[in-house]
Amino acid sequence: MKKILILILPFLFSGCLYVNDRGISTRYYNDCKEYYDAVGMYHKVCDENLIEYQKIKDGTKRIIKKVKDTTNNSIQE
């Protein structure tokens, strides 16, 4: 019974989250407002996703940098 429940559970929640070009969201389309201000500068304001790809990239870069620093420090000692 537990195996069946574990297999069915992802299908129940698959309709709640969507993958778009900026990350994972609860909405299918990005709700972005694009406009030019009085000076003529272009602005694009988007609703925040649950998971942003840019945040994931930044986090992995920081982790990789810390690992490199710790390995370099341990090798030099």
PDB file of N, CA and C in Angstrom:
ATOM      1  N   MET A   1       0.820  -1.191   0.000  1.00  0.00           N
ATOM      2  CA  MET A   1       0.000   0.000   0.000  1.00  0.00           C
ATOM      3  C   MET A   1       0.869   1.262   0.000  1.00  0.00           C
ATOM      4  N   LYS A   2       1.981   1.221   0.771  1.00  0.00           N
ATOM      5  CA  LYS A   2       2.850   2.390   0.833  1.00  0.00           C
ATOM      6  C   LYS A   2       3.508   2.655  -0.514  1.00  0.00           C
ATOM      7  N   LYS A   3       3.869   1.604  -1.231  1.00  0.00           N
ATOM      8  CA  LYS A   3       4.503   1.769  -2.533  1.00  0.00           C
ATOM      9  C   LYS A   3       3.555   2.431  -3.524  1.00  0.00           C
ATOM     10  N   ILE A   4       2.306   2.040  -3.487  1.00  0.00           N
ATOM     11  CA  ILE A   4       1.310   2.626  -4.385  1.00  0.00           C
ATOM     12  C   ILE A   4       1.108   4.099  -4.059  1.00  0.00           C
ATOM     13  N   LEU A   5       1.047   4.426  -2.781  1.00  0.00           N
ATOM     14  CA  LEU A   5       0.875   5.814  -2.361  1.00  0.00           C
ATOM     15  C   LEU A   5       2.069   6.664  -2.772  1.00  0.00           C
ATOM     16  N   ILE A   6       3.267   6.129  -2.641  1.00  0.00           N
ATOM     17  CA  ILE A   6       4.471   6.861  -3.027  1.00  0.00           C
ATOM     18  C   ILE A   6       4.508   7.084  -4.538  1.00  0.00           C
ATOM     19  N   LEU A   7       4.041   6.126  -5.308  1.00  0.00           N
ATOM     20  CA  LEU A   7       4.031   6.275  -6.758  1.00  0.00           C
ATOM     21  C   LEU A   7       2.945   7.245  -7.228  1.00  0.00           C
ATOM     22  N   ILE A   8       1.838   7.314  -6.550  1.00  0.00           N
ATOM     23  CA  ILE A   8       0.723   8.178  -6.954  1.00  0.00           C
ATOM     24  C   ILE A   8       0.927   9.619  -6.494  1.00  0.00           C
ATOM     25  N   LEU A   9       1.611   9.832  -5.392  1.00  0.00           N
ATOM     26  CA  LEU A   9       1.770  11.160  -4.805  1.00  0.00           C
ATOM     27  C   LEU A   9       2.353  12.200  -5.770  1.00  0.00           C
ATOM     28  N   PRO A  10       3.410  11.930  -6.538  1.00  0.00           N
ATOM     29  CA  PRO A  10       3.915  12.952  -7.466  1.00  0.00           C
ATOM     30  C   PRO A  10       2.900  13.342  -8.537  1.00  0.00           C
ATOM     31  N   PHE A  11       2.069  12.420  -8.956  1.00  0.00           N
ATOM     32  CA  PHE A  11       1.074  12.750  -9.975  1.00  0.00           C
ATOM     33  C   PHE A  11      -0.032  13.648  -9.429  1.00  0.00           C
ATOM     34  N   LEU A  12      -0.306  13.567  -8.148  1.00  0.00           N
ATOM     35  CA  LEU A  12      -1.325  14.426  -7.549  1.00  0.00           C
ATOM     36  C   LEU A  12      -0.867  15.881  -7.493  1.00  0.00           C
ATOM     37  N   PHE A  13       0.414  16.101  -7.257  1.00  0.00           N
ATOM     38  CA  PHE A  13       0.929  17.456  -7.129  1.00  0.00           C
ATOM     39  C   PHE A  13       1.563  17.989  -8.410  1.00  0.00           C
ATOM     40  N   SER A  14       1.544  17.235  -9.483  1.00  0.00           N
ATOM     41  CA  SER A  14       2.199  17.683 -10.708  1.00  0.00           C
ATOM     42  C   SER A  14       1.471  18.851 -11.357  1.00  0.00           C
ATOM     43  N   GLY A  15       0.194  19.026 -11.121  1.00  0.00           N
ATOM     44  CA  GLY A  15      -0.545  20.134 -11.713  1.00  0.00           C
ATOM     45  C   GLY A  15      -0.409  21.425 -10.954  1.00  0.00           C
ATOM     46  N   CYS A  16       0.235  21.426  -9.819  1.00  0.00           N
ATOM     47  CA  CYS A  16       0.338  22.626  -8.982  1.00  0.00           C
ATOM     48  C   CYS A  16       1.573  23.464  -9.295  1.00  0.00           C
ATOM     49  N   LEU A  17       2.608  22.867  -9.831  1.00  0.00           N
ATOM     50  CA  LEU A  17       3.850  23.580 -10.101  1.00  0.00           C
ATOM     51  C   LEU A  17       4.164  23.529 -11.589  1.00  0.00           C
ATOM     52  N   TYR A  18       4.658  24.655 -12.098  1.00  0.00           N
ATOM     53  CA  TYR A  18       4.988  24.753 -13.514  1.00  0.00           C
ATOM     54  C   TYR A  18       6.417  25.235 -13.661  1.00  0.00           C
ATOM     55  N   VAL A  19       7.080  24.730 -14.685  1.00  0.00           N
ATOM     56  CA  VAL A  19       8.447  25.148 -14.990  1.00  0.00           C
ATOM     57  C   VAL A  19       8.368  26.177 -16.111  1.00  0.00           C
ATOM     58  N   ASN A  20       8.843  27.388 -15.850  1.00  0.00           N
ATOM     59  CA  ASN A  20       8.877  28.408 -16.880  1.00  0.00           C
ATOM     60  C   ASN A  20      10.323  28.809 -17.144  1.00  0.00           C
ATOM     61  N   ASP A  21      10.531  29.839 -17.942  1.00  0.00           N
ATOM     62  CA  ASP A  21      11.892  30.182 -18.349  1.00  0.00           C
ATOM     63  C   ASP A  21      12.715  30.832 -17.239  1.00  0.00           C
ATOM     64  N   ARG A  22      12.104  31.254 -16.142  1.00  0.00           N
ATOM     65  CA  ARG A  22      12.843  31.875 -15.050  1.00  0.00           C
ATOM     66  C   ARG A  22      12.952  30.989 -13.826  1.00  0.00           C
ATOM     67  N   GLY A  23      12.167  29.925 -13.743  1.00  0.00           N
ATOM     68  CA  GLY A  23      12.224  29.057 -12.578  1.00  0.00           C
ATOM     69  C   GLY A  23      10.984  28.191 -12.461  1.00  0.00           C
ATOM     70  N   ILE A  24      10.629  27.853 -11.225  1.00  0.00           N
ATOM     71  CA  ILE A  24       9.458  27.026 -10.949  1.00  0.00           C
ATOM     72  C   ILE A  24       8.439  27.891 -10.228  1.00  0.00           C
ATOM     73  N   SER A  25       7.206  27.877 -10.728  1.00  0.00           N
ATOM     74  CA  SER A  25       6.178  28.767 -10.210  1.00  0.00           C
ATOM     75  C   SER A  25       4.857  28.017 -10.072  1.00  0.00           C
ATOM     76  N   THR A  26       3.912  28.656  -9.404  1.00  0.00           N
ATOM     77  CA  THR A  26       2.573  28.094  -9.305  1.00  0.00           C
ATOM     78  C   THR A  26       1.692  28.555 -10.456  1.00  0.00           C
ATOM     79  N   ARG A  27       2.231  29.396 -11.321  1.00  0.00           N
ATOM     80  CA  ARG A  27       1.491  29.895 -12.483  1.00  0.00           C
ATOM     81  C   ARG A  27       2.161  29.397 -13.753  1.00  0.00           C
ATOM     82  N   TYR A  28       1.365  29.136 -14.767  1.00  0.00           N
ATOM     83  CA  TYR A  28       1.895  28.609 -16.019  1.00  0.00           C
ATOM     84  C   TYR A  28       2.682  29.667 -16.784  1.00  0.00           C
ATOM     85  N   TYR A  29       2.158  30.901 -16.819  1.00  0.00           N
ATOM     86  CA  TYR A  29       2.817  31.978 -17.549  1.00  0.00           C
ATOM     87  C   TYR A  29       3.482  32.939 -16.584  1.00  0.00           C
ATOM     88  N   ASN A  30       4.554  33.579 -17.034  1.00  0.00           N
ATOM     89  CA  ASN A  30       5.191  34.635 -16.253  1.00  0.00           C
ATOM     90  C   ASN A  30       4.322  35.879 -16.314  1.00  0.00           C
ATOM     91  N   ASP A  31       4.044  36.464 -15.178  1.00  0.00           N
ATOM     92  CA  ASP A  31       3.310  37.720 -15.152  1.00  0.00           C
ATOM     93  C   ASP A  31       4.319  38.850 -15.045  1.00  0.00           C
ATOM     94  N   CYS A  32       4.806  39.296 -16.188  1.00  0.00           N
ATOM     95  CA  CYS A  32       5.788  40.369 -16.225  1.00  0.00           C
ATOM     96  C   CYS A  32       5.149  41.609 -16.812  1.00  0.00           C
ATOM     97  N   LYS A  33       5.461  42.743 -16.203  1.00  0.00           N
ATOM     98  CA  LYS A  33       4.992  44.026 -16.708  1.00  0.00           C
ATOM     99  C   LYS A  33       6.196  44.750 -17.290  1.00  0.00           C
ATOM    100  N   GLU A  34       6.109  45.080 -18.556  1.00  0.00           N
ATOM    101  CA  GLU A  34       7.188  45.771 -19.235  1.00  0.00           C
ATOM    102  C   GLU A  34       6.728  47.176 -19.576  1.00  0.00           C
ATOM    103  N   TYR A  35       7.581  48.153 -19.293  1.00  0.00           N
ATOM    104  CA  TYR A  35       7.199  49.537 -19.581  1.00  0.00           C
ATOM    105  C   TYR A  35       8.441  50.412 -19.694  1.00  0.00           C
ATOM    106  N   TYR A  36       8.249  51.558 -20.299  1.00  0.00           N
ATOM    107  CA  TYR A  36       9.276  52.593 -20.373  1.00  0.00           C
ATOM    108  C   TYR A  36       8.856  53.738 -19.464  1.00  0.00           C
ATOM    109  N   ASP A  37       9.788  54.259 -18.702  1.00  0.00           N
ATOM    110  CA  ASP A  37       9.447  55.375 -17.824  1.00  0.00           C
ATOM    111  C   ASP A  37       9.584  56.695 -18.582  1.00  0.00           C
ATOM    112  N   ALA A  38       9.402  57.810 -17.875  1.00  0.00           N
ATOM    113  CA  ALA A  38       9.404  59.130 -18.507  1.00  0.00           C
ATOM    114  C   ALA A  38      10.749  59.493 -19.106  1.00  0.00           C
ATOM    115  N   VAL A  39      11.821  58.925 -18.582  1.00  0.00           N
ATOM    116  CA  VAL A  39      13.163  59.209 -19.086  1.00  0.00           C
ATOM    117  C   VAL A  39      13.470  58.359 -20.313  1.00  0.00           C
ATOM    118  N   GLY A  40      12.708  57.302 -20.520  1.00  0.00           N
ATOM    119  CA  GLY A  40      12.921  56.417 -21.658  1.00  0.00           C
ATOM    120  C   GLY A  40      13.648  55.142 -21.318  1.00  0.00           C
ATOM    121  N   MET A  41      13.814  54.859 -20.030  1.00  0.00           N
ATOM    122  CA  MET A  41      14.486  53.624 -19.615  1.00  0.00           C
ATOM    123  C   MET A  41      13.480  52.477 -19.593  1.00  0.00           C
ATOM    124  N   TYR A  42      13.932  51.323 -20.051  1.00  0.00           N
ATOM    125  CA  TYR A  42      13.089  50.131 -20.115  1.00  0.00           C
ATOM    126  C   TYR A  42      13.098  49.421 -18.762  1.00  0.00           C
ATOM    127  N   HIS A  43      11.920  49.019 -18.309  1.00  0.00           N
ATOM    128  CA  HIS A  43      11.788  48.287 -17.052  1.00  0.00           C
ATOM    129  C   HIS A  43      10.970  47.023 -17.300  1.00  0.00           C
ATOM    130  N   LYS A  44      11.353  45.963 -16.616  1.00  0.00           N
ATOM    131  CA  LYS A  44      10.605  44.713 -16.667  1.00  0.00           C
ATOM    132  C   LYS A  44      10.472  44.211 -15.238  1.00  0.00           C
ATOM    133  N   VAL A  45       9.239  44.190 -14.735  1.00  0.00           N
ATOM    134  CA  VAL A  45       8.968  43.774 -13.366  1.00  0.00           C
ATOM    135  C   VAL A  45       8.153  42.480 -13.434  1.00  0.00           C
ATOM    136  N   CYS A  46       8.693  41.422 -12.824  1.00  0.00           N
ATOM    137  CA  CYS A  46       8.039  40.110 -12.867  1.00  0.00           C
ATOM    138  C   CYS A  46       7.675  39.652 -11.463  1.00  0.00           C
ATOM    139  N   ASP A  47       6.616  38.859 -11.363  1.00  0.00           N
ATOM    140  CA  ASP A  47       6.273  38.242 -10.094  1.00  0.00           C
ATOM    141  C   ASP A  47       7.355  37.239  -9.721  1.00  0.00           C
ATOM    142  N   GLU A  48       7.537  37.047  -8.434  1.00  0.00           N
ATOM    143  CA  GLU A  48       8.587  36.152  -7.964  1.00  0.00           C
ATOM    144  C   GLU A  48       8.138  34.698  -8.065  1.00  0.00           C
ATOM    145  N   ASN A  49       9.036  33.847  -8.510  1.00  0.00           N
ATOM    146  CA  ASN A  49       8.769  32.413  -8.582  1.00  0.00           C
ATOM    147  C   ASN A  49       9.088  31.754  -7.248  1.00  0.00           C
ATOM    148  N   LEU A  50       8.669  30.504  -7.098  1.00  0.00           N
ATOM    149  CA  LEU A  50       9.037  29.744  -5.910  1.00  0.00           C
ATOM    150  C   LEU A  50      10.529  29.468  -5.898  1.00  0.00           C
ATOM    151  N   ILE A  51      11.052  29.060  -7.040  1.00  0.00           N
ATOM    152  CA  ILE A  51      12.481  28.795  -7.188  1.00  0.00           C
ATOM    153  C   ILE A  51      12.956  29.533  -8.431  1.00  0.00           C
ATOM    154  N   GLU A  52      13.914  30.421  -8.261  1.00  0.00           N
ATOM    155  CA  GLU A  52      14.486  31.163  -9.383  1.00  0.00           C
ATOM    156  C   GLU A  52      15.776  30.477  -9.810  1.00  0.00           C
ATOM    157  N   TYR A  53      15.972  30.302 -11.115  1.00  0.00           N
ATOM    158  CA  TYR A  53      17.182  29.668 -11.613  1.00  0.00           C
ATOM    159  C   TYR A  53      18.421  30.494 -11.280  1.00  0.00           C
ATOM    160  N   GLN A  54      18.289  31.818 -11.279  1.00  0.00           N
ATOM    161  CA  GLN A  54      19.433  32.676 -10.986  1.00  0.00           C
ATOM    162  C   GLN A  54      19.908  32.479  -9.546  1.00  0.00           C
ATOM    163  N   LYS A  55      18.979  32.289  -8.612  1.00  0.00           N
ATOM    164  CA  LYS A  55      19.358  32.052  -7.223  1.00  0.00           C
ATOM    165  C   LYS A  55      20.090  30.716  -7.082  1.00  0.00           C
ATOM    166  N   ILE A  56      19.653  29.729  -7.838  1.00  0.00           N
ATOM    167  CA  ILE A  56      20.318  28.421  -7.802  1.00  0.00           C
ATOM    168  C   ILE A  56      21.739  28.540  -8.342  1.00  0.00           C
ATOM    169  N   LYS A  57      21.903  29.292  -9.457  1.00  0.00           N
ATOM    170  CA  LYS A  57      23.237  29.480 -10.028  1.00  0.00           C
ATOM    171  C   LYS A  57      24.155  30.194  -9.052  1.00  0.00           C
ATOM    172  N   ASP A  58      23.650  31.263  -8.423  1.00  0.00           N
ATOM    173  CA  ASP A  58      24.466  32.014  -7.477  1.00  0.00           C
ATOM    174  C   ASP A  58      24.854  31.160  -6.273  1.00  0.00           C
ATOM    175  N   GLY A  59      23.923  30.356  -5.774  1.00  0.00           N
ATOM    176  CA  GLY A  59      24.206  29.500  -4.631  1.00  0.00           C
ATOM    177  C   GLY A  59      25.239  28.441  -4.942  1.00  0.00           C
ATOM    178  N   THR A  60      25.142  27.834  -6.118  1.00  0.00           N
ATOM    179  CA  THR A  60      26.121  26.810  -6.470  1.00  0.00           C
ATOM    180  C   THR A  60      27.498  27.423  -6.693  1.00  0.00           C
ATOM    181  N   LYS A  61      27.553  28.653  -7.247  1.00  0.00           N
ATOM    182  CA  LYS A  61      28.843  29.311  -7.426  1.00  0.00           C
ATOM    183  C   LYS A  61      29.511  29.576  -6.076  1.00  0.00           C
ATOM    184  N   ARG A  62      28.707  30.018  -5.090  1.00  0.00           N
ATOM    185  CA  ARG A  62      29.272  30.276  -3.759  1.00  0.00           C
ATOM    186  C   ARG A  62      29.763  28.993  -3.112  1.00  0.00           C
ATOM    187  N   ILE A  63      29.016  27.909  -3.266  1.00  0.00           N
ATOM    188  CA  ILE A  63      29.420  26.628  -2.679  1.00  0.00           C
ATOM    189  C   ILE A  63      30.709  26.133  -3.328  1.00  0.00           C
ATOM    190  N   ILE A  64      30.787  26.227  -4.651  1.00  0.00           N
ATOM    191  CA  ILE A  64      31.988  25.779  -5.356  1.00  0.00           C
ATOM    192  C   ILE A  64      33.191  26.617  -4.934  1.00  0.00           C
ATOM    193  N   LYS A  65      32.993  27.928  -4.778  1.00  0.00           N
ATOM    194  CA  LYS A  65      34.090  28.799  -4.352  1.00  0.00           C
ATOM    195  C   LYS A  65      34.570  28.436  -2.956  1.00  0.00           C
ATOM    196  N   LYS A  66      33.632  28.144  -2.032  1.00  0.00           N
ATOM    197  CA  LYS A  66      34.022  27.756  -0.671  1.00  0.00           C
ATOM    198  C   LYS A  66      34.788  26.444  -0.673  1.00  0.00           C
ATOM    199  N   VAL A  67      34.333  25.496  -1.482  1.00  0.00           N
ATOM    200  CA  VAL A  67      35.016  24.201  -1.553  1.00  0.00           C
ATOM    201  C   VAL A  67      36.422  24.377  -2.111  1.00  0.00           C
ATOM    202  N   LYS A  68      36.567  25.206  -3.146  1.00  0.00           N
ATOM    203  CA  LYS A  68      37.895  25.451  -3.709  1.00  0.00           C
ATOM    204  C   LYS A  68      38.807  26.121  -2.694  1.00  0.00           C
ATOM    205  N   ASP A  69      38.272  27.107  -1.959  1.00  0.00           N
ATOM    206  CA  ASP A  69      39.080  27.803  -0.955  1.00  0.00           C
ATOM    207  C   ASP A  69      39.527  26.859   0.155  1.00  0.00           C
ATOM    208  N   THR A  70      38.625  26.019   0.625  1.00  0.00           N
ATOM    209  CA  THR A  70      38.989  25.091   1.705  1.00  0.00           C
ATOM    210  C   THR A  70      39.996  24.051   1.222  1.00  0.00           C
ATOM    211  N   THR A  71      39.850  23.575  -0.006  1.00  0.00           N
ATOM    212  CA  THR A  71      40.822  22.596  -0.516  1.00  0.00           C
ATOM    213  C   THR A  71      42.184  23.245  -0.731  1.00  0.00           C
ATOM    214  N   ASN A  72      42.176  24.493  -1.236  1.00  0.00           N
ATOM    215  CA  ASN A  72      43.458  25.197  -1.433  1.00  0.00           C
ATOM    216  C   ASN A  72      44.144  25.461  -0.100  1.00  0.00           C
ATOM    217  N   ASN A  73      43.367  25.825   0.913  1.00  0.00           N
ATOM    218  CA  ASN A  73      43.939  26.084   2.236  1.00  0.00           C
ATOM    219  C   ASN A  73      44.481  24.807   2.853  1.00  0.00           C
ATOM    220  N   SER A  74      43.778  23.705   2.676  1.00  0.00           N
ATOM    221  CA  SER A  74      44.235  22.445   3.257  1.00  0.00           C
ATOM    222  C   SER A  74      45.461  21.915   2.520  1.00  0.00           C
ATOM    223  N   ILE A  75      45.570  22.180   1.235  1.00  0.00           N
ATOM    224  CA  ILE A  75      46.736  21.736   0.470  1.00  0.00           C
ATOM    225  C   ILE A  75      47.959  22.559   0.844  1.00  0.00           C
ATOM    226  N   GLN A  76      47.782  23.873   1.072  1.00  0.00           N
ATOM    227  CA  GLN A  76      48.899  24.737   1.409  1.00  0.00           C
ATOM    228  C   GLN A  76      49.438  24.449   2.800  1.00  0.00           C
ATOM    229  N   GLU A  77      48.598  23.956   3.697  1.00  0.00           N
ATOM    230  CA  GLU A  77      49.058  23.667   5.063  1.00  0.00           C
ATOM    231  C   GLU A  77      49.804  22.410   5.056  1.00  0.00           C
TER     232      GLU A  77
END
